[in-house]
Amino acid sequence: MQIPLPSLRPLVPMALLSLLGASAPTWAMPEAITDKQDGKLDLSDWLIERKGFLPIPIIITEPAVGNGGGVALMFLRNSMAESAQKAKESGLAVSPDIWVVGAAATENGTKAAFAGGMKTFGDGRFKYRGAVGKTDVNLAYYGTSGNTTGIDYSLDGWMSSQQVLARLGQSNNWLGARWIYMNLSNKLDIRGNPSIPLQPHEVSRKASGLGLTLEHDSRDNVFTPSKGWTGAIDAMFYDPDIGSATRFQSYRGHVFGYWPVRKDVVLAGRVDGRAARGQVPFYMLPFIDMRGIPAARYQDRNTAVVETELRWNFTPRWAAVGFIGAGRAWGKGGSFDDASTAVSKGVGVRYLLARKLGLWVGLDYARGPESGTYYIQVGSAWR
């Protein structure tokens, strides 16, 4: 399921953004942010050994809500070096425990405050991911028939996502259970476009669902992979018996793969499909999620996206990126064959900010069917 809010998408992105914002002033500890191998700016040693509270700058460039930013505090209970030692002892990959609290706002009046975290326990056999947010998000709903004029709306209320995953044996596979709860006041200006009809169940404010997840992750790096793949199958079931205003279901299946064409070139591919059934609130319909396309711009009961990206490391520290993708949304607005294809493409640049962690950061420019925009990237652009 997709939620068109920048506040719940990001437990992992928030952790990655913290790495970008975790640098101390060069006068405070220059050796800690310089790579002894080449003398370049590098946060590897400082991040590996560091633990405690860190400030996190939040930079938003999402065209659906406008530019904006915020600030958060992240707490690392154990450093990455300690996590690596635990992994060595247990033979299983262990991520550091991360807790975050913060707030952000954008130029169109969207605001969000949030708290969440990621924790590994049971000797690396279990993982917890959770977030709670208070949001006031302003977006536009374009219906499911390719309208060019949308209905302005806002979602003001509380959201929560809680998930626990268990490793299957000694494999890279995980089985998880998840609970999503939302209580959102929907304010719509239906006079903006009377040609987009909405049924009573489509504007329901409360959604509560339980679901299962099956995940695989064999990437060589969780930040900026160069080989391996990750994927998941998710199913969520919303029902009045567990607090939902309506009964509906949402599904997602995705695979991200990475292939080293040669030592300095990496080819990546993404396939991502999402669906919703039943009495689905309009703001929880799947939408095409791709750089260059505003969030919630193309929605329907089904969406499919294919995307490819090529990264060329033209120096040990700098890389150029090119990408192109296409997506369709269909169901209520017509069949798959009738749906139009939204194509987005762009270029970007990356800098290796933490060599020992394989963390690249940079800037992308992407252009979709209607306009182009810039994105700040920390690690992979795919979530």
Protein backbone atom coordinates (compact mmCIF):
# COMPACT_ATOMS: atom_id res chain seq x y z
CA MET A 1 0.00 0.00 0.00
CA GLN A 2 1.06 3.55 -0.67
CA ILE A 3 0.28 6.43 1.63
CA PRO A 4 0.66 9.79 -0.14
CA LEU A 5 2.30 11.46 2.83
CA PRO A 6 5.97 12.31 3.15
CA SER A 7 5.86 11.56 6.89
CA LEU A 8 5.32 7.79 6.96
CA ARG A 9 7.30 6.74 3.95
CA PRO A 10 10.57 7.26 5.65
CA LEU A 11 11.75 5.28 8.53
CA VAL A 12 14.65 4.02 6.44
CA PRO A 13 15.10 7.34 4.55
CA MET A 14 15.19 9.19 7.87
CA ALA A 15 17.99 6.96 9.05
CA LEU A 16 19.85 7.59 5.81
CA LEU A 17 19.29 11.34 5.96
CA SER A 18 20.81 11.30 9.41
CA LEU A 19 24.07 10.17 7.90
CA LEU A 20 24.13 13.20 5.62
CA GLY A 21 23.40 15.55 8.47
CA ALA A 22 25.66 13.87 11.02
CA SER A 23 28.89 15.67 10.16
CA ALA A 24 30.49 17.83 12.83
CA PRO A 25 32.24 21.13 12.04
CA THR A 26 35.66 20.55 10.54
CA TRP A 27 37.28 22.58 13.29
CA ALA A 28 35.83 20.24 15.92
CA MET A 29 37.30 16.96 14.74
CA PRO A 30 38.83 17.15 11.25
CA GLU A 31 40.45 13.71 11.41
CA ALA A 32 37.09 12.04 12.02
CA ILE A 33 35.64 13.39 8.75
CA THR A 34 38.67 12.84 6.53
CA ASP A 35 39.55 9.54 4.86
CA LYS A 36 43.11 8.54 5.67
CA GLN A 37 43.26 6.66 2.35
CA ASP A 38 42.82 9.65 0.02
CA GLY A 39 42.44 12.70 2.30
CA LYS A 40 38.90 13.44 1.01
CA LEU A 41 35.82 14.34 3.02
CA ASP A 42 34.51 11.05 4.44
CA LEU A 43 32.27 10.23 7.41
CA SER A 44 33.06 6.50 7.64
CA ASP A 45 35.13 6.47 10.84
CA TRP A 46 32.94 8.99 12.64
CA LEU A 47 29.73 7.11 11.75
CA ILE A 48 31.12 3.68 12.56
CA GLU A 49 32.21 4.63 16.07
CA ARG A 50 29.66 7.32 16.86
CA LYS A 51 26.60 6.78 19.07
CA GLY A 52 24.27 9.13 20.93
CA PHE A 53 22.01 11.99 19.83
CA LEU A 54 22.59 13.40 16.33
CA PRO A 55 20.82 16.32 14.58
CA ILE A 56 19.10 15.46 11.31
CA PRO A 57 18.37 18.08 8.64
CA ILE A 58 15.29 17.23 6.58
CA ILE A 59 15.16 18.59 3.02
CA ILE A 60 11.93 18.11 1.01
CA THR A 61 11.74 18.63 -2.76
CA GLU A 62 8.50 16.74 -3.46
CA PRO A 63 6.53 18.61 -6.18
CA ALA A 64 3.18 17.46 -4.76
CA VAL A 65 3.70 19.49 -1.56
CA GLY A 66 6.40 21.96 -2.59
CA ASN A 67 9.86 22.59 -1.20
CA GLY A 68 10.41 22.55 2.51
CA GLY A 69 12.43 21.23 5.37
CA GLY A 70 12.63 20.44 9.04
CA VAL A 71 14.78 19.08 11.78
CA ALA A 72 14.89 15.93 13.88
CA LEU A 73 16.95 14.28 16.58
CA MET A 74 18.19 10.74 16.10
CA PHE A 75 19.47 8.53 18.87
CA LEU A 76 21.81 5.62 18.11
CA ARG A 77 21.73 3.18 21.02
CA ASN A 78 24.67 1.22 19.63
CA SER A 79 27.28 2.25 17.07
CA MET A 80 27.75 0.53 13.72
CA ALA A 81 31.00 -0.92 15.03
CA GLU A 82 29.12 -2.57 17.91
CA SER A 83 26.50 -3.89 15.46
CA ALA A 84 29.26 -5.35 13.28
CA GLN A 85 30.72 -7.12 16.31
CA LYS A 86 27.30 -8.59 17.17
CA ALA A 87 26.94 -9.78 13.58
CA LYS A 88 30.37 -11.43 13.75
CA GLU A 89 29.45 -13.27 16.95
CA SER A 90 26.04 -14.46 15.75
CA GLY A 91 26.83 -14.94 12.06
CA LEU A 92 23.79 -12.82 11.17
CA ALA A 93 23.67 -9.24 9.87
CA VAL A 94 22.64 -6.83 12.63
CA SER A 95 21.60 -3.20 12.06
CA PRO A 96 22.15 -0.50 14.69
CA ASP A 97 19.15 0.50 16.80
CA ILE A 98 17.88 3.91 15.66
CA TRP A 99 15.22 6.18 17.22
CA VAL A 100 14.05 9.46 15.64
CA VAL A 101 11.79 12.37 16.61
CA GLY A 102 11.25 15.50 14.55
CA ALA A 103 9.06 17.80 12.48
CA ALA A 104 8.93 19.25 8.95
CA ALA A 105 6.88 21.68 6.84
CA THR A 106 6.62 22.72 3.19
CA GLU A 107 5.67 25.85 1.25
CA ASN A 108 2.08 24.69 0.54
CA GLY A 109 1.25 24.47 4.26
CA THR A 110 1.93 20.77 4.73
CA LYS A 111 3.16 19.98 8.23
CA ALA A 112 4.17 16.77 10.03
CA ALA A 113 5.61 15.75 13.39
CA PHE A 114 6.82 12.21 13.90
CA ALA A 115 8.59 9.71 16.13
CA GLY A 116 9.81 6.25 15.22
CA GLY A 117 12.58 3.74 15.27
CA MET A 118 14.20 0.55 14.06
CA LYS A 119 15.48 -2.12 16.45
CA THR A 120 17.09 -5.53 15.98
CA PHE A 121 16.85 -8.05 18.81
CA GLY A 122 17.07 -11.78 19.55
CA ASP A 123 20.67 -12.06 18.29
CA GLY A 124 19.71 -10.62 14.92
CA ARG A 125 16.72 -12.90 14.37
CA PHE A 126 14.00 -10.28 14.85
CA LYS A 127 13.49 -6.70 13.67
CA TYR A 128 11.07 -3.97 14.72
CA ARG A 129 10.11 -0.96 12.59
CA GLY A 130 7.62 1.60 13.81
CA ALA A 131 6.50 5.20 13.43
CA VAL A 132 3.78 7.51 14.72
CA GLY A 133 3.00 10.83 13.05
CA LYS A 134 0.73 13.86 13.41
CA THR A 135 0.12 15.26 9.92
CA ASP A 136 -1.59 18.11 8.11
CA VAL A 137 -0.88 17.35 4.46
CA ASN A 138 -2.19 19.36 1.50
CA LEU A 139 -2.45 17.51 -1.82
CA ALA A 140 -4.66 17.27 -4.89
CA TYR A 141 -6.80 14.32 -5.98
CA TYR A 142 -7.03 13.87 -9.75
CA GLY A 143 -9.43 10.94 -9.76
CA THR A 144 -8.85 7.75 -11.72
CA SER A 145 -9.47 8.91 -15.29
CA GLY A 146 -6.41 10.99 -16.09
CA ASN A 147 -7.91 14.38 -15.20
CA THR A 148 -5.63 17.36 -15.58
CA THR A 149 -7.39 19.36 -12.83
CA GLY A 150 -7.54 17.97 -9.31
CA ILE A 151 -9.52 18.52 -6.13
CA ASP A 152 -7.54 20.17 -3.35
CA TYR A 153 -7.70 18.31 -0.07
CA SER A 154 -5.94 18.04 3.27
CA LEU A 155 -5.38 15.13 5.65
CA ASP A 156 -5.19 16.26 9.26
CA GLY A 157 -4.78 13.67 11.98
CA TRP A 158 -2.74 10.76 13.31
CA MET A 159 -0.98 7.89 11.56
CA SER A 160 0.81 4.84 12.93
CA SER A 161 2.73 1.96 11.33
CA GLN A 162 4.08 -0.90 13.48
CA GLN A 163 5.90 -3.97 12.14
CA VAL A 164 7.83 -6.94 13.54
CA LEU A 165 9.82 -9.33 11.30
CA ALA A 166 11.41 -12.70 12.03
CA ARG A 167 14.33 -14.19 10.09
CA LEU A 168 13.58 -17.55 8.47
CA GLY A 169 16.36 -19.85 9.65
CA GLN A 170 19.83 -18.64 8.63
CA SER A 171 18.58 -17.20 5.34
CA ASN A 172 18.16 -13.67 3.97
CA ASN A 173 14.38 -14.10 4.11
CA TRP A 174 12.08 -12.46 6.66
CA LEU A 175 8.43 -13.01 7.60
CA GLY A 176 6.69 -10.04 9.19
CA ALA A 177 3.40 -8.88 10.70
CA ARG A 178 2.23 -5.27 10.44
CA TRP A 179 -0.47 -2.98 11.83
CA ILE A 180 -1.38 0.34 10.19
CA TYR A 181 -3.80 2.78 11.82
CA MET A 182 -4.95 6.18 10.54
CA ASN A 183 -7.48 8.67 11.87
CA LEU A 184 -7.52 11.56 9.41
CA SER A 185 -9.93 14.42 8.96
CA ASN A 186 -10.44 14.88 5.19
CA LYS A 187 -11.11 18.39 3.92
CA LEU A 188 -11.99 18.46 0.22
CA ASP A 189 -12.90 21.32 -2.07
CA ILE A 190 -15.26 19.33 -4.32
CA ARG A 191 -16.15 22.50 -6.18
CA GLY A 192 -12.65 22.40 -7.64
CA ASN A 193 -13.63 19.64 -10.06
CA PRO A 194 -17.23 18.34 -9.93
CA SER A 195 -16.41 15.82 -12.67
CA ILE A 196 -14.55 13.68 -10.08
CA PRO A 197 -17.29 11.85 -8.11
CA LEU A 198 -16.59 10.50 -4.64
CA GLN A 199 -18.67 7.93 -2.75
CA PRO A 200 -19.20 8.18 1.04
CA HIS A 201 -16.82 5.29 1.77
CA GLU A 202 -14.09 6.98 -0.26
CA VAL A 203 -13.86 9.88 2.19
CA SER A 204 -13.89 7.77 5.35
CA ARG A 205 -11.45 9.09 7.95
CA LYS A 206 -10.47 5.99 9.91
CA ALA A 207 -8.49 3.00 8.61
CA SER A 208 -7.03 0.13 10.64
CA GLY A 209 -5.42 -2.90 9.03
CA LEU A 210 -3.36 -5.98 9.82
CA GLY A 211 -1.06 -7.62 7.30
CA LEU A 212 1.79 -9.98 6.47
CA THR A 213 5.10 -9.38 4.70
CA LEU A 214 7.58 -11.78 3.12
CA GLU A 215 10.94 -10.11 2.42
CA HIS A 216 14.26 -11.08 0.87
CA ASP A 217 17.45 -9.01 1.01
CA SER A 218 20.76 -10.23 -0.42
CA ARG A 219 22.18 -6.81 -1.37
CA ASP A 220 25.85 -6.22 -0.69
CA ASN A 221 25.00 -2.85 0.87
CA VAL A 222 21.79 -1.46 2.37
CA PHE A 223 22.69 2.13 1.45
CA THR A 224 23.92 2.11 -2.18
CA PRO A 225 23.96 -1.50 -3.47
CA SER A 226 26.21 -2.71 -6.29
CA LYS A 227 25.01 -6.33 -6.49
CA GLY A 228 22.30 -8.60 -5.15
CA TRP A 229 18.58 -8.00 -4.87
CA THR A 230 15.81 -7.17 -2.43
CA GLY A 231 12.08 -7.72 -2.75
CA ALA A 232 8.89 -8.19 -0.79
CA ILE A 233 5.28 -9.28 -1.01
CA ASP A 234 2.92 -7.31 1.26
CA ALA A 235 -0.78 -7.82 1.99
CA MET A 236 -2.85 -5.60 4.29
CA PHE A 237 -6.45 -6.24 5.40
CA TYR A 238 -8.57 -3.39 6.80
CA ASP A 239 -11.78 -4.28 8.62
CA PRO A 240 -14.35 -2.63 10.95
CA ASP A 241 -13.71 -5.41 13.48
CA ILE A 242 -10.23 -3.94 14.08
CA GLY A 243 -11.22 -0.28 14.02
CA SER A 244 -11.46 0.56 10.30
CA ALA A 245 -14.39 2.60 8.97
CA THR A 246 -14.57 0.45 5.81
CA ARG A 247 -13.45 -3.00 4.66
CA PHE A 248 -10.74 -3.11 2.00
CA GLN A 249 -7.40 -4.72 1.14
CA SER A 250 -4.10 -3.49 -0.26
CA TYR A 251 -1.23 -5.42 -1.85
CA ARG A 252 2.28 -4.72 -3.04
CA GLY A 253 4.99 -6.79 -4.72
CA HIS A 254 8.38 -5.34 -5.68
CA VAL A 255 11.90 -6.38 -6.66
CA PHE A 256 15.03 -4.20 -6.86
CA GLY A 257 18.04 -5.85 -8.52
CA TYR A 258 21.67 -4.69 -8.92
CA TRP A 259 24.28 -6.04 -11.37
CA PRO A 260 27.93 -4.91 -11.65
CA VAL A 261 28.46 -4.63 -15.42
CA ARG A 262 32.12 -3.92 -14.71
CA LYS A 263 34.08 -2.62 -11.72
CA ASP A 264 33.00 1.00 -12.18
CA VAL A 265 29.52 0.51 -13.71
CA VAL A 266 26.38 -0.78 -11.95
CA LEU A 267 23.08 -1.52 -13.70
CA ALA A 268 19.93 -1.62 -11.56
CA GLY A 269 16.33 -2.58 -12.28
CA ARG A 270 13.04 -2.13 -10.46
CA VAL A 271 9.63 -3.77 -10.88
CA ASP A 272 6.88 -2.55 -8.54
CA GLY A 273 3.19 -3.46 -8.57
CA ARG A 274 0.45 -2.32 -6.17
CA ALA A 275 -3.30 -2.94 -5.88
CA ALA A 276 -6.28 -2.11 -3.66
CA ARG A 277 -9.69 -3.77 -3.41
CA GLY A 278 -12.93 -3.13 -1.53
CA GLN A 279 -14.19 0.17 -0.11
CA VAL A 280 -10.88 2.03 -0.43
CA PRO A 281 -10.58 5.66 0.77
CA PHE A 282 -9.48 7.81 -2.16
CA TYR A 283 -6.27 8.91 -0.40
CA MET A 284 -5.17 5.26 0.01
CA LEU A 285 -5.45 4.27 -3.63
CA PRO A 286 -2.08 3.20 -5.11
CA PHE A 287 -0.28 5.84 -7.15
CA ILE A 288 2.68 5.85 -9.54
CA ASP A 289 5.72 6.33 -7.32
CA MET A 290 8.65 7.50 -9.42
CA ARG A 291 11.10 10.39 -9.59
CA GLY A 292 9.75 13.18 -11.78
CA ILE A 293 6.08 12.40 -11.02
CA PRO A 294 4.34 14.21 -8.13
CA ALA A 295 3.07 11.96 -5.34
CA ALA A 296 -0.60 10.94 -5.77
CA ARG A 297 -0.74 12.41 -9.32
CA TYR A 298 -1.73 9.15 -11.09
CA GLN A 299 -3.95 6.94 -8.92
CA ASP A 300 -6.25 3.96 -9.43
CA ARG A 301 -6.95 0.51 -8.04
CA ASN A 302 -3.80 -0.87 -9.69
CA THR A 303 -0.39 0.57 -10.52
CA ALA A 304 2.71 -0.91 -12.12
CA VAL A 305 6.16 0.63 -12.48
CA VAL A 306 9.32 -0.52 -14.26
CA GLU A 307 12.50 1.49 -13.94
CA THR A 308 16.18 1.11 -14.72
CA GLU A 309 19.21 3.03 -13.51
CA LEU A 310 22.86 3.09 -14.57
CA ARG A 311 25.60 4.36 -12.23
CA TRP A 312 29.11 5.10 -13.53
CA ASN A 313 31.79 5.68 -10.90
CA PHE A 314 34.02 7.88 -13.05
CA THR A 315 36.38 8.52 -10.11
CA PRO A 316 36.72 6.69 -6.78
CA ARG A 317 34.63 9.47 -5.14
CA TRP A 318 32.28 10.70 -7.87
CA ALA A 319 29.61 8.96 -9.95
CA ALA A 320 27.13 9.91 -12.66
CA VAL A 321 23.63 8.40 -12.73
CA GLY A 322 21.08 8.06 -15.54
CA PHE A 323 17.60 6.59 -15.14
CA ILE A 324 14.34 6.06 -17.01
CA GLY A 325 11.07 4.49 -15.96
CA ALA A 326 7.44 4.06 -16.91
CA GLY A 327 4.25 3.45 -14.98
CA ARG A 328 0.53 2.89 -15.49
CA ALA A 329 -2.50 3.27 -13.20
CA TRP A 330 -5.69 1.42 -14.10
CA GLY A 331 -8.86 -0.19 -12.72
CA LYS A 332 -11.76 2.21 -12.13
CA GLY A 333 -10.56 4.55 -14.85
CA GLY A 334 -10.22 1.80 -17.49
CA SER A 335 -8.30 -1.37 -18.31
CA PHE A 336 -4.53 -1.76 -18.38
CA ASP A 337 -4.54 -1.49 -22.18
CA ASP A 338 -6.58 1.71 -22.05
CA ALA A 339 -4.38 3.41 -19.45
CA SER A 340 -1.81 5.95 -20.56
CA THR A 341 1.87 5.39 -19.78
CA ALA A 342 3.63 7.96 -17.60
CA VAL A 343 7.32 8.11 -18.50
CA SER A 344 9.99 9.79 -16.39
CA LYS A 345 13.72 10.08 -16.99
CA GLY A 346 16.62 11.98 -15.56
CA VAL A 347 20.26 12.27 -14.58
CA GLY A 348 22.14 12.72 -11.35
CA VAL A 349 25.48 12.98 -9.62
CA ARG A 350 26.75 11.14 -6.53
CA TYR A 351 29.57 11.57 -4.00
CA LEU A 352 30.93 8.72 -1.86
CA LEU A 353 30.38 10.25 1.56
CA ALA A 354 31.25 7.15 3.62
CA ARG A 355 33.63 4.79 1.80
CA LYS A 356 33.68 2.04 4.43
CA LEU A 357 29.87 1.95 4.50
CA GLY A 358 29.37 2.30 0.74
CA LEU A 359 27.11 5.33 1.23
CA TRP A 360 26.74 7.67 -1.77
CA VAL A 361 24.80 10.96 -1.65
CA GLY A 362 23.88 13.38 -4.40
CA LEU A 363 21.35 15.23 -6.51
CA ASP A 364 18.96 14.03 -9.25
CA TYR A 365 17.00 15.95 -11.86
CA ALA A 366 13.97 14.05 -13.17
CA ARG A 367 11.38 15.06 -15.76
CA GLY A 368 7.98 13.40 -15.99
CA PRO A 369 5.01 13.92 -18.33
CA GLU A 370 4.32 17.44 -17.06
CA SER A 371 7.37 19.00 -15.43
CA GLY A 372 10.79 18.40 -13.92
CA THR A 373 12.15 18.65 -10.40
CA TYR A 374 15.25 18.05 -8.30
CA TYR A 375 15.70 15.42 -5.59
CA ILE A 376 18.34 15.12 -2.90
CA GLN A 377 19.34 11.46 -2.64
CA VAL A 378 20.96 9.70 0.31
CA GLY A 379 21.64 6.10 -0.64
CA SER A 380 19.32 4.43 -3.13
CA ALA A 381 16.36 6.35 -4.59
CA TRP A 382 14.16 3.23 -4.42
CA ARG A 383 12.14 2.46 -1.29
